[in-house]
Amino acid sequence: MKSLNYLKKDSDFTRVYREKKTSGNRNLVFYRRKNHLAITRIGFSISKKVGGAVVRNRIKRQLREIYFKELKRIKPGYDIVCVVKKGGGQLSYQQLESSFNHLLRVSKLEKR
């Protein structure tokens, strides 16, 4: 996946948090804002409350894979910050994928 599709700078995350629209479920929260670009970018925020470094990195890798699989279904032109809630360290890949897809529908980021 190209690095263009990811939020990396602290200023990008801050901008999304400041000008946000929020959607959430039991496992994840999406903060989103229009970026006026032709691509959708995503960043992940996983607190130490979720688990140790190994757990957080595993979740981040799984979420990147889910994002890559669903990229064709996501509307272009948004910045998204995906926050994993406490207890997310025990989630299976299927549960993460289900939560991610649910938030795409709820937050109206899914192409029609």
PDB file of N, CA and C in Angstrom:
ATOM      1  N   MET A   1       0.850  -1.175   0.000  1.00  0.00           N
ATOM      2  CA  MET A   1       0.000   0.000   0.000  1.00  0.00           C
ATOM      3  C   MET A   1       0.889   1.229   0.000  1.00  0.00           C
ATOM      4  N   LYS A   2       0.526   2.202  -0.794  1.00  0.00           N
ATOM      5  CA  LYS A   2       1.291   3.430  -0.876  1.00  0.00           C
ATOM      6  C   LYS A   2       1.178   4.206   0.431  1.00  0.00           C
ATOM      7  N   SER A   3       2.240   4.892   0.792  1.00  0.00           N
ATOM      8  CA  SER A   3       2.206   5.665   2.031  1.00  0.00           C
ATOM      9  C   SER A   3       1.323   6.898   1.883  1.00  0.00           C
ATOM     10  N   LEU A   4       0.907   7.228   0.665  1.00  0.00           N
ATOM     11  CA  LEU A   4      -0.008   8.349   0.470  1.00  0.00           C
ATOM     12  C   LEU A   4      -1.361   8.093   1.127  1.00  0.00           C
ATOM     13  N   ASN A   5      -1.707   6.844   1.316  1.00  0.00           N
ATOM     14  CA  ASN A   5      -3.017   6.500   1.851  1.00  0.00           C
ATOM     15  C   ASN A   5      -3.060   6.481   3.374  1.00  0.00           C
ATOM     16  N   TYR A   6      -1.986   6.911   4.027  1.00  0.00           N
ATOM     17  CA  TYR A   6      -1.950   6.879   5.485  1.00  0.00           C
ATOM     18  C   TYR A   6      -1.671   8.260   6.050  1.00  0.00           C
ATOM     19  N   LEU A   7      -2.308   8.553   7.178  1.00  0.00           N
ATOM     20  CA  LEU A   7      -1.995   9.758   7.935  1.00  0.00           C
ATOM     21  C   LEU A   7      -0.794   9.438   8.809  1.00  0.00           C
ATOM     22  N   LYS A   8       0.212  10.288   8.771  1.00  0.00           N
ATOM     23  CA  LYS A   8       1.403  10.024   9.559  1.00  0.00           C
ATOM     24  C   LYS A   8       1.791  11.192  10.451  1.00  0.00           C
ATOM     25  N   LYS A   9       1.514  12.404  10.016  1.00  0.00           N
ATOM     26  CA  LYS A   9       1.928  13.583  10.770  1.00  0.00           C
ATOM     27  C   LYS A   9       0.949  13.873  11.903  1.00  0.00           C
ATOM     28  N   ASP A  10       1.500  14.352  13.005  1.00  0.00           N
ATOM     29  CA  ASP A  10       0.671  14.719  14.147  1.00  0.00           C
ATOM     30  C   ASP A  10      -0.311  15.821  13.760  1.00  0.00           C
ATOM     31  N   SER A  11       0.108  16.717  12.882  1.00  0.00           N
ATOM     32  CA  SER A  11      -0.777  17.812  12.461  1.00  0.00           C
ATOM     33  C   SER A  11      -1.997  17.286  11.700  1.00  0.00           C
ATOM     34  N   ASP A  12      -1.824  16.218  10.932  1.00  0.00           N
ATOM     35  CA  ASP A  12      -2.961  15.608  10.223  1.00  0.00           C
ATOM     36  C   ASP A  12      -3.957  15.011  11.211  1.00  0.00           C
ATOM     37  N   PHE A  13      -3.448  14.295  12.209  1.00  0.00           N
ATOM     38  CA  PHE A  13      -4.321  13.716  13.223  1.00  0.00           C
ATOM     39  C   PHE A  13      -5.058  14.821  13.979  1.00  0.00           C
ATOM     40  N   THR A  14      -4.334  15.863  14.359  1.00  0.00           N
ATOM     41  CA  THR A  14      -4.934  16.972  15.104  1.00  0.00           C
ATOM     42  C   THR A  14      -6.040  17.637  14.292  1.00  0.00           C
ATOM     43  N   ARG A  15      -5.807  17.828  13.002  1.00  0.00           N
ATOM     44  CA  ARG A  15      -6.810  18.445  12.132  1.00  0.00           C
ATOM     45  C   ARG A  15      -8.076  17.595  12.076  1.00  0.00           C
ATOM     46  N   VAL A  16      -7.911  16.291  11.979  1.00  0.00           N
ATOM     47  CA  VAL A  16      -9.079  15.395  11.925  1.00  0.00           C
ATOM     48  C   VAL A  16      -9.831  15.440  13.251  1.00  0.00           C
ATOM     49  N   TYR A  17      -9.118  15.404  14.371  1.00  0.00           N
ATOM     50  CA  TYR A  17      -9.774  15.460  15.676  1.00  0.00           C
ATOM     51  C   TYR A  17     -10.510  16.786  15.869  1.00  0.00           C
ATOM     52  N   ARG A  18      -9.931  17.877  15.384  1.00  0.00           N
ATOM     53  CA  ARG A  18     -10.518  19.201  15.591  1.00  0.00           C
ATOM     54  C   ARG A  18     -11.767  19.411  14.734  1.00  0.00           C
ATOM     55  N   GLU A  19     -11.734  18.959  13.481  1.00  0.00           N
ATOM     56  CA  GLU A  19     -12.848  19.180  12.548  1.00  0.00           C
ATOM     57  C   GLU A  19     -13.576  17.874  12.272  1.00  0.00           C
ATOM     58  N   LYS A  20     -13.920  17.179  13.292  1.00  0.00           N
ATOM     59  CA  LYS A  20     -14.340  15.789  13.162  1.00  0.00           C
ATOM     60  C   LYS A  20     -15.843  15.590  13.044  1.00  0.00           C
ATOM     61  N   LYS A  21     -16.160  14.457  12.483  1.00  0.00           N
ATOM     62  CA  LYS A  21     -17.474  13.834  12.603  1.00  0.00           C
ATOM     63  C   LYS A  21     -17.159  12.448  13.130  1.00  0.00           C
ATOM     64  N   THR A  22     -17.921  11.979  14.077  1.00  0.00           N
ATOM     65  CA  THR A  22     -17.582  10.754  14.795  1.00  0.00           C
ATOM     66  C   THR A  22     -18.631   9.677  14.584  1.00  0.00           C
ATOM     67  N   SER A  23     -18.160   8.448  14.457  1.00  0.00           N
ATOM     68  CA  SER A  23     -19.012   7.261  14.462  1.00  0.00           C
ATOM     69  C   SER A  23     -18.282   6.205  15.264  1.00  0.00           C
ATOM     70  N   GLY A  24     -19.040   5.394  15.977  1.00  0.00           N
ATOM     71  CA  GLY A  24     -18.375   4.381  16.773  1.00  0.00           C
ATOM     72  C   GLY A  24     -19.251   3.173  17.019  1.00  0.00           C
ATOM     73  N   ASN A  25     -18.603   2.110  17.444  1.00  0.00           N
ATOM     74  CA  ASN A  25     -19.305   0.926  17.903  1.00  0.00           C
ATOM     75  C   ASN A  25     -18.555   0.393  19.117  1.00  0.00           C
ATOM     76  N   ARG A  26     -18.796  -0.824  19.490  1.00  0.00           N
ATOM     77  CA  ARG A  26     -18.223  -1.389  20.705  1.00  0.00           C
ATOM     78  C   ARG A  26     -16.693  -1.478  20.657  1.00  0.00           C
ATOM     79  N   ASN A  27     -16.123  -1.638  19.477  1.00  0.00           N
ATOM     80  CA  ASN A  27     -14.693  -1.898  19.357  1.00  0.00           C
ATOM     81  C   ASN A  27     -13.869  -0.764  18.765  1.00  0.00           C
ATOM     82  N   LEU A  28     -14.462   0.030  17.869  1.00  0.00           N
ATOM     83  CA  LEU A  28     -13.717   1.054  17.141  1.00  0.00           C
ATOM     84  C   LEU A  28     -14.476   2.373  17.122  1.00  0.00           C
ATOM     85  N   VAL A  29     -13.728   3.460  16.878  1.00  0.00           N
ATOM     86  CA  VAL A  29     -14.315   4.778  16.655  1.00  0.00           C
ATOM     87  C   VAL A  29     -13.659   5.352  15.412  1.00  0.00           C
ATOM     88  N   PHE A  30     -14.460   5.927  14.520  1.00  0.00           N
ATOM     89  CA  PHE A  30     -13.954   6.623  13.343  1.00  0.00           C
ATOM     90  C   PHE A  30     -14.135   8.120  13.558  1.00  0.00           C
ATOM     91  N   TYR A  31     -13.072   8.891  13.368  1.00  0.00           N
ATOM     92  CA  TYR A  31     -13.137  10.335  13.256  1.00  0.00           C
ATOM     93  C   TYR A  31     -12.852  10.622  11.787  1.00  0.00           C
ATOM     94  N   ARG A  32     -13.679  11.427  11.156  1.00  0.00           N
ATOM     95  CA  ARG A  32     -13.499  11.658   9.725  1.00  0.00           C
ATOM     96  C   ARG A  32     -13.705  13.128   9.393  1.00  0.00           C
ATOM     97  N   ARG A  33     -13.025  13.546   8.324  1.00  0.00           N
ATOM     98  CA  ARG A  33     -13.209  14.890   7.786  1.00  0.00           C
ATOM     99  C   ARG A  33     -12.864  14.857   6.313  1.00  0.00           C
ATOM    100  N   LYS A  34     -13.459  15.760   5.551  1.00  0.00           N
ATOM    101  CA  LYS A  34     -13.132  15.854   4.124  1.00  0.00           C
ATOM    102  C   LYS A  34     -11.735  16.426   3.977  1.00  0.00           C
ATOM    103  N   ASN A  35     -10.969  15.864   3.027  1.00  0.00           N
ATOM    104  CA  ASN A  35      -9.607  16.356   2.810  1.00  0.00           C
ATOM    105  C   ASN A  35      -9.433  17.032   1.457  1.00  0.00           C
ATOM    106  N   HIS A  36     -10.463  17.038   0.621  1.00  0.00           N
ATOM    107  CA  HIS A  36     -10.445  17.680  -0.691  1.00  0.00           C
ATOM    108  C   HIS A  36      -9.319  17.149  -1.577  1.00  0.00           C
ATOM    109  N   LEU A  37      -8.996  15.880  -1.414  1.00  0.00           N
ATOM    110  CA  LEU A  37      -8.029  15.200  -2.259  1.00  0.00           C
ATOM    111  C   LEU A  37      -8.761  14.090  -3.009  1.00  0.00           C
ATOM    112  N   ALA A  38      -8.084  13.475  -3.936  1.00  0.00           N
ATOM    113  CA  ALA A  38      -8.696  12.395  -4.712  1.00  0.00           C
ATOM    114  C   ALA A  38      -8.547  11.044  -4.015  1.00  0.00           C
ATOM    115  N   ILE A  39      -7.924  11.027  -2.849  1.00  0.00           N
ATOM    116  CA  ILE A  39      -7.705   9.770  -2.129  1.00  0.00           C
ATOM    117  C   ILE A  39      -8.249   9.877  -0.714  1.00  0.00           C
ATOM    118  N   THR A  40      -8.508   8.731  -0.131  1.00  0.00           N
ATOM    119  CA  THR A  40      -8.866   8.653   1.276  1.00  0.00           C
ATOM    120  C   THR A  40      -7.644   8.177   2.034  1.00  0.00           C
ATOM    121  N   ARG A  41      -7.342   8.891   3.122  1.00  0.00           N
ATOM    122  CA  ARG A  41      -6.190   8.527   3.949  1.00  0.00           C
ATOM    123  C   ARG A  41      -6.699   8.080   5.310  1.00  0.00           C
ATOM    124  N   ILE A  42      -5.976   7.156   5.930  1.00  0.00           N
ATOM    125  CA  ILE A  42      -6.388   6.641   7.227  1.00  0.00           C
ATOM    126  C   ILE A  42      -5.187   6.615   8.169  1.00  0.00           C
ATOM    127  N   GLY A  43      -5.470   6.831   9.437  1.00  0.00           N
ATOM    128  CA  GLY A  43      -4.462   6.713  10.483  1.00  0.00           C
ATOM    129  C   GLY A  43      -5.054   5.893  11.610  1.00  0.00           C
ATOM    130  N   PHE A  44      -4.206   5.239  12.371  1.00  0.00           N
ATOM    131  CA  PHE A  44      -4.670   4.377  13.455  1.00  0.00           C
ATOM    132  C   PHE A  44      -4.135   4.888  14.776  1.00  0.00           C
ATOM    133  N   SER A  45      -4.998   4.896  15.781  1.00  0.00           N
ATOM    134  CA  SER A  45      -4.607   5.291  17.121  1.00  0.00           C
ATOM    135  C   SER A  45      -4.980   4.146  18.061  1.00  0.00           C
ATOM    136  N   ILE A  46      -3.946   3.559  18.673  1.00  0.00           N
ATOM    137  CA  ILE A  46      -4.177   2.413  19.548  1.00  0.00           C
ATOM    138  C   ILE A  46      -3.466   2.692  20.869  1.00  0.00           C
ATOM    139  N   SER A  47      -4.238   2.864  21.915  1.00  0.00           N
ATOM    140  CA  SER A  47      -3.719   3.231  23.224  1.00  0.00           C
ATOM    141  C   SER A  47      -3.011   2.060  23.900  1.00  0.00           C
ATOM    142  N   LYS A  48      -2.166   2.376  24.869  1.00  0.00           N
ATOM    143  CA  LYS A  48      -1.518   1.334  25.657  1.00  0.00           C
ATOM    144  C   LYS A  48      -2.517   0.561  26.510  1.00  0.00           C
ATOM    145  N   LYS A  49      -3.710   1.123  26.693  1.00  0.00           N
ATOM    146  CA  LYS A  49      -4.759   0.424  27.441  1.00  0.00           C
ATOM    147  C   LYS A  49      -5.233  -0.822  26.699  1.00  0.00           C
ATOM    148  N   VAL A  50      -5.034  -0.851  25.388  1.00  0.00           N
ATOM    149  CA  VAL A  50      -5.450  -1.986  24.566  1.00  0.00           C
ATOM    150  C   VAL A  50      -4.548  -3.183  24.834  1.00  0.00           C
ATOM    151  N   GLY A  51      -3.260  -2.933  25.039  1.00  0.00           N
ATOM    152  CA  GLY A  51      -2.322  -4.021  25.294  1.00  0.00           C
ATOM    153  C   GLY A  51      -0.895  -3.550  25.085  1.00  0.00           C
ATOM    154  N   GLY A  52       0.018  -4.480  25.172  1.00  0.00           N
ATOM    155  CA  GLY A  52       1.428  -4.174  24.976  1.00  0.00           C
ATOM    156  C   GLY A  52       1.746  -3.901  23.519  1.00  0.00           C
ATOM    157  N   ALA A  53       3.024  -3.629  23.246  1.00  0.00           N
ATOM    158  CA  ALA A  53       3.451  -3.264  21.898  1.00  0.00           C
ATOM    159  C   ALA A  53       3.152  -4.359  20.879  1.00  0.00           C
ATOM    160  N   VAL A  54       3.334  -5.606  21.271  1.00  0.00           N
ATOM    161  CA  VAL A  54       3.090  -6.715  20.351  1.00  0.00           C
ATOM    162  C   VAL A  54       1.620  -6.758  19.954  1.00  0.00           C
ATOM    163  N   VAL A  55       0.738  -6.577  20.917  1.00  0.00           N
ATOM    164  CA  VAL A  55      -0.707  -6.606  20.664  1.00  0.00           C
ATOM    165  C   VAL A  55      -1.114  -5.418  19.804  1.00  0.00           C
ATOM    166  N   ARG A  56      -0.617  -4.234  20.145  1.00  0.00           N
ATOM    167  CA  ARG A  56      -0.975  -3.032  19.376  1.00  0.00           C
ATOM    168  C   ARG A  56      -0.501  -3.133  17.930  1.00  0.00           C
ATOM    169  N   ASN A  57       0.702  -3.630  17.719  1.00  0.00           N
ATOM    170  CA  ASN A  57       1.214  -3.771  16.357  1.00  0.00           C
ATOM    171  C   ASN A  57       0.447  -4.822  15.560  1.00  0.00           C
ATOM    172  N   ARG A  58       0.021  -5.903  16.222  1.00  0.00           N
ATOM    173  CA  ARG A  58      -0.776  -6.926  15.545  1.00  0.00           C
ATOM    174  C   ARG A  58      -2.104  -6.330  15.088  1.00  0.00           C
ATOM    175  N   ILE A  59      -2.748  -5.576  15.969  1.00  0.00           N
ATOM    176  CA  ILE A  59      -4.025  -4.950  15.621  1.00  0.00           C
ATOM    177  C   ILE A  59      -3.840  -3.961  14.476  1.00  0.00           C
ATOM    178  N   LYS A  60      -2.764  -3.183  14.528  1.00  0.00           N
ATOM    179  CA  LYS A  60      -2.500  -2.203  13.477  1.00  0.00           C
ATOM    180  C   LYS A  60      -2.276  -2.889  12.133  1.00  0.00           C
ATOM    181  N   ARG A  61      -1.529  -3.983  12.132  1.00  0.00           N
ATOM    182  CA  ARG A  61      -1.309  -4.739  10.886  1.00  0.00           C
ATOM    183  C   ARG A  61      -2.622  -5.285  10.346  1.00  0.00           C
ATOM    184  N   GLN A  62      -3.458  -5.805  11.239  1.00  0.00           N
ATOM    185  CA  GLN A  62      -4.739  -6.349  10.798  1.00  0.00           C
ATOM    186  C   GLN A  62      -5.636  -5.251  10.241  1.00  0.00           C
ATOM    187  N   LEU A  63      -5.664  -4.094  10.900  1.00  0.00           N
ATOM    188  CA  LEU A  63      -6.495  -2.995  10.411  1.00  0.00           C
ATOM    189  C   LEU A  63      -5.993  -2.461   9.073  1.00  0.00           C
ATOM    190  N   ARG A  64      -4.686  -2.420   8.874  1.00  0.00           N
ATOM    191  CA  ARG A  64      -4.150  -2.008   7.575  1.00  0.00           C
ATOM    192  C   ARG A  64      -4.599  -2.963   6.476  1.00  0.00           C
ATOM    193  N   GLU A  65      -4.568  -4.257   6.770  1.00  0.00           N
ATOM    194  CA  GLU A  65      -4.994  -5.267   5.798  1.00  0.00           C
ATOM    195  C   GLU A  65      -6.484  -5.109   5.482  1.00  0.00           C
ATOM    196  N   ILE A  66      -7.290  -4.884   6.505  1.00  0.00           N
ATOM    197  CA  ILE A  66      -8.728  -4.687   6.299  1.00  0.00           C
ATOM    198  C   ILE A  66      -8.969  -3.444   5.452  1.00  0.00           C
ATOM    199  N   TYR A  67      -8.271  -2.360   5.769  1.00  0.00           N
ATOM    200  CA  TYR A  67      -8.398  -1.115   5.011  1.00  0.00           C
ATOM    201  C   TYR A  67      -8.015  -1.338   3.548  1.00  0.00           C
ATOM    202  N   PHE A  68      -6.919  -2.046   3.325  1.00  0.00           N
ATOM    203  CA  PHE A  68      -6.468  -2.324   1.958  1.00  0.00           C
ATOM    204  C   PHE A  68      -7.516  -3.127   1.193  1.00  0.00           C
ATOM    205  N   LYS A  69      -8.134  -4.123   1.851  1.00  0.00           N
ATOM    206  CA  LYS A  69      -9.169  -4.933   1.202  1.00  0.00           C
ATOM    207  C   LYS A  69     -10.407  -4.110   0.874  1.00  0.00           C
ATOM    208  N   GLU A  70     -10.772  -3.165   1.740  1.00  0.00           N
ATOM    209  CA  GLU A  70     -12.015  -2.412   1.593  1.00  0.00           C
ATOM    210  C   GLU A  70     -11.831  -1.083   0.873  1.00  0.00           C
ATOM    211  N   LEU A  71     -10.625  -0.760   0.459  1.00  0.00           N
ATOM    212  CA  LEU A  71     -10.332   0.552  -0.128  1.00  0.00           C
ATOM    213  C   LEU A  71     -11.210   0.876  -1.325  1.00  0.00           C
ATOM    214  N   LYS A  72     -11.529  -0.119  -2.136  1.00  0.00           N
ATOM    215  CA  LYS A  72     -12.357   0.114  -3.317  1.00  0.00           C
ATOM    216  C   LYS A  72     -13.786   0.500  -2.947  1.00  0.00           C
ATOM    217  N   ARG A  73     -14.211   0.139  -1.740  1.00  0.00           N
ATOM    218  CA  ARG A  73     -15.576   0.446  -1.287  1.00  0.00           C
ATOM    219  C   ARG A  73     -15.671   1.785  -0.560  1.00  0.00           C
ATOM    220  N   ILE A  74     -14.536   2.420  -0.256  1.00  0.00           N
ATOM    221  CA  ILE A  74     -14.529   3.641   0.535  1.00  0.00           C
ATOM    222  C   ILE A  74     -14.548   4.855  -0.388  1.00  0.00           C
ATOM    223  N   LYS A  75     -15.396   5.830  -0.060  1.00  0.00           N
ATOM    224  CA  LYS A  75     -15.469   7.064  -0.842  1.00  0.00           C
ATOM    225  C   LYS A  75     -14.130   7.787  -0.788  1.00  0.00           C
ATOM    226  N   PRO A  76     -13.691   8.350  -1.910  1.00  0.00           N
ATOM    227  CA  PRO A  76     -12.455   9.137  -1.885  1.00  0.00           C
ATOM    228  C   PRO A  76     -12.697  10.517  -1.283  1.00  0.00           C
ATOM    229  N   GLY A  77     -11.614  11.121  -0.810  1.00  0.00           N
ATOM    230  CA  GLY A  77     -11.705  12.499  -0.337  1.00  0.00           C
ATOM    231  C   GLY A  77     -11.900  12.654   1.154  1.00  0.00           C
ATOM    232  N   TYR A  78     -11.507  11.671   1.948  1.00  0.00           N
ATOM    233  CA  TYR A  78     -11.676  11.757   3.399  1.00  0.00           C
ATOM    234  C   TYR A  78     -10.370  11.418   4.108  1.00  0.00           C
ATOM    235  N   ASP A  79     -10.199  12.031   5.270  1.00  0.00           N
ATOM    236  CA  ASP A  79      -9.173  11.624   6.227  1.00  0.00           C
ATOM    237  C   ASP A  79      -9.908  10.927   7.360  1.00  0.00           C
ATOM    238  N   ILE A  80      -9.435   9.753   7.738  1.00  0.00           N
ATOM    239  CA  ILE A  80     -10.084   8.957   8.782  1.00  0.00           C
ATOM    240  C   ILE A  80      -9.046   8.611   9.840  1.00  0.00           C
ATOM    241  N   VAL A  81      -9.426   8.783  11.098  1.00  0.00           N
ATOM    242  CA  VAL A  81      -8.613   8.261  12.195  1.00  0.00           C
ATOM    243  C   VAL A  81      -9.434   7.154  12.834  1.00  0.00           C
ATOM    244  N   CYS A  82      -8.861   5.969  12.890  1.00  0.00           N
ATOM    245  CA  CYS A  82      -9.511   4.800  13.469  1.00  0.00           C
ATOM    246  C   CYS A  82      -8.909   4.567  14.852  1.00  0.00           C
ATOM    247  N   VAL A  83      -9.737   4.679  15.882  1.00  0.00           N
ATOM    248  CA  VAL A  83      -9.281   4.498  17.254  1.00  0.00           C
ATOM    249  C   VAL A  83      -9.817   3.168  17.764  1.00  0.00           C
ATOM    250  N   VAL A  84      -8.926   2.359  18.315  1.00  0.00           N
ATOM    251  CA  VAL A  84      -9.319   1.071  18.882  1.00  0.00           C
ATOM    252  C   VAL A  84      -9.632   1.300  20.357  1.00  0.00           C
ATOM    253  N   LYS A  85     -10.795   0.844  20.790  1.00  0.00           N
ATOM    254  CA  LYS A  85     -11.201   1.018  22.181  1.00  0.00           C
ATOM    255  C   LYS A  85     -10.529  -0.001  23.099  1.00  0.00           C
ATOM    256  N   LYS A  86     -10.559   0.296  24.381  1.00  0.00           N
ATOM    257  CA  LYS A  86     -10.001  -0.606  25.391  1.00  0.00           C
ATOM    258  C   LYS A  86     -10.675  -1.973  25.264  1.00  0.00           C
ATOM    259  N   GLY A  87      -9.903  -3.014  25.368  1.00  0.00           N
ATOM    260  CA  GLY A  87     -10.428  -4.360  25.197  1.00  0.00           C
ATOM    261  C   GLY A  87     -10.281  -4.860  23.771  1.00  0.00           C
ATOM    262  N   GLY A  88      -9.779  -4.008  22.885  1.00  0.00           N
ATOM    263  CA  GLY A  88      -9.619  -4.388  21.489  1.00  0.00           C
ATOM    264  C   GLY A  88      -8.517  -5.409  21.255  1.00  0.00           C
ATOM    265  N   GLY A  89      -7.674  -5.618  22.249  1.00  0.00           N
ATOM    266  CA  GLY A  89      -6.584  -6.569  22.115  1.00  0.00           C
ATOM    267  C   GLY A  89      -7.042  -8.012  22.041  1.00  0.00           C
ATOM    268  N   GLN A  90      -8.255  -8.289  22.491  1.00  0.00           N
ATOM    269  CA  GLN A  90      -8.773  -9.651  22.478  1.00  0.00           C
ATOM    270  C   GLN A  90      -9.600  -9.957  21.234  1.00  0.00           C
ATOM    271  N   LEU A  91      -9.697  -9.003  20.314  1.00  0.00           N
ATOM    272  CA  LEU A  91     -10.538  -9.204  19.136  1.00  0.00           C
ATOM    273  C   LEU A  91      -9.848 -10.081  18.100  1.00  0.00           C
ATOM    274  N   SER A  92     -10.639 -10.916  17.462  1.00  0.00           N
ATOM    275  CA  SER A  92     -10.116 -11.710  16.351  1.00  0.00           C
ATOM    276  C   SER A  92     -10.138 -10.856  15.086  1.00  0.00           C
ATOM    277  N   TYR A  93      -9.492 -11.361  14.049  1.00  0.00           N
ATOM    278  CA  TYR A  93      -9.472 -10.657  12.764  1.00  0.00           C
ATOM    279  C   TYR A  93     -10.891 -10.461  12.241  1.00  0.00           C
ATOM    280  N   GLN A  94     -11.720 -11.484  12.360  1.00  0.00           N
ATOM    281  CA  GLN A  94     -13.091 -11.408  11.859  1.00  0.00           C
ATOM    282  C   GLN A  94     -13.899 -10.357  12.620  1.00  0.00           C
ATOM    283  N   GLN A  95     -13.687 -10.257  13.925  1.00  0.00           N
ATOM    284  CA  GLN A  95     -14.396  -9.246  14.708  1.00  0.00           C
ATOM    285  C   GLN A  95     -13.948  -7.836  14.318  1.00  0.00           C
ATOM    286  N   LEU A  96     -12.643  -7.644  14.118  1.00  0.00           N
ATOM    287  CA  LEU A  96     -12.139  -6.345  13.675  1.00  0.00           C
ATOM    288  C   LEU A  96     -12.717  -5.978  12.313  1.00  0.00           C
ATOM    289  N   GLU A  97     -12.720  -6.941  11.405  1.00  0.00           N
ATOM    290  CA  GLU A  97     -13.241  -6.696  10.063  1.00  0.00           C
ATOM    291  C   GLU A  97     -14.724  -6.342  10.108  1.00  0.00           C
ATOM    292  N   SER A  98     -15.474  -7.043  10.922  1.00  0.00           N
ATOM    293  CA  SER A  98     -16.903  -6.775  11.060  1.00  0.00           C
ATOM    294  C   SER A  98     -17.139  -5.374  11.632  1.00  0.00           C
ATOM    295  N   SER A  99     -16.382  -5.002  12.656  1.00  0.00           N
ATOM    296  CA  SER A  99     -16.518  -3.672  13.250  1.00  0.00           C
ATOM    297  C   SER A  99     -16.145  -2.580  12.254  1.00  0.00           C
ATOM    298  N   PHE A 100     -15.058  -2.800  11.512  1.00  0.00           N
ATOM    299  CA  PHE A 100     -14.602  -1.831  10.517  1.00  0.00           C
ATOM    300  C   PHE A 100     -15.671  -1.629   9.445  1.00  0.00           C
ATOM    301  N   ASN A 101     -16.197  -2.717   8.913  1.00  0.00           N
ATOM    302  CA  ASN A 101     -17.225  -2.630   7.865  1.00  0.00           C
ATOM    303  C   ASN A 101     -18.500  -1.987   8.393  1.00  0.00           C
ATOM    304  N   HIS A 102     -18.856  -2.287   9.634  1.00  0.00           N
ATOM    305  CA  HIS A 102     -20.024  -1.661  10.253  1.00  0.00           C
ATOM    306  C   HIS A 102     -19.845  -0.150  10.307  1.00  0.00           C
ATOM    307  N   LEU A 103     -18.669   0.307  10.701  1.00  0.00           N
ATOM    308  CA  LEU A 103     -18.430   1.745  10.783  1.00  0.00           C
ATOM    309  C   LEU A 103     -18.393   2.406   9.407  1.00  0.00           C
ATOM    310  N   LEU A 104     -17.944   1.693   8.390  1.00  0.00           N
ATOM    311  CA  LEU A 104     -18.010   2.246   7.034  1.00  0.00           C
ATOM    312  C   LEU A 104     -19.450   2.539   6.644  1.00  0.00           C
ATOM    313  N   ARG A 105     -20.346   1.614   6.973  1.00  0.00           N
ATOM    314  CA  ARG A 105     -21.760   1.815   6.653  1.00  0.00           C
ATOM    315  C   ARG A 105     -22.364   2.930   7.489  1.00  0.00           C
ATOM    316  N   VAL A 106     -22.122   2.906   8.793  1.00  0.00           N
ATOM    317  CA  VAL A 106     -22.725   3.873   9.709  1.00  0.00           C
ATOM    318  C   VAL A 106     -22.245   5.292   9.423  1.00  0.00           C
ATOM    319  N   SER A 107     -20.964   5.440   9.115  1.00  0.00           N
ATOM    320  CA  SER A 107     -20.396   6.765   8.888  1.00  0.00           C
ATOM    321  C   SER A 107     -20.589   7.248   7.443  1.00  0.00           C
ATOM    322  N   LYS A 108     -21.257   6.444   6.637  1.00  0.00           N
ATOM    323  CA  LYS A 108     -21.578   6.789   5.246  1.00  0.00           C
ATOM    324  C   LYS A 108     -20.326   7.037   4.422  1.00  0.00           C
ATOM    325  N   LEU A 109     -19.282   6.249   4.672  1.00  0.00           N
ATOM    326  CA  LEU A 109     -18.056   6.329   3.889  1.00  0.00           C
ATOM    327  C   LEU A 109     -18.026   5.287   2.795  1.00  0.00           C
ATOM    328  N   GLU A 110     -19.041   4.471   2.735  1.00  0.00           N
ATOM    329  CA  GLU A 110     -19.102   3.390   1.758  1.00  0.00           C
ATOM    330  C   GLU A 110     -19.683   3.936   0.449  1.00  0.00           C
ATOM    331  N   LYS A 111     -19.042   3.582  -0.668  1.00  0.00           N
ATOM    332  CA  LYS A 111     -19.567   3.961  -1.978  1.00  0.00           C
ATOM    333  C   LYS A 111     -20.902   3.267  -2.197  1.00  0.00           C
ATOM    334  N   ARG A 112     -21.761   3.924  -2.908  1.00  0.00           N
ATOM    335  CA  ARG A 112     -23.067   3.313  -3.178  1.00  0.00           C
ATOM    336  C   ARG A 112     -23.104   2.726  -4.543  1.00  0.00           C
TER     337      ARG A 112
END
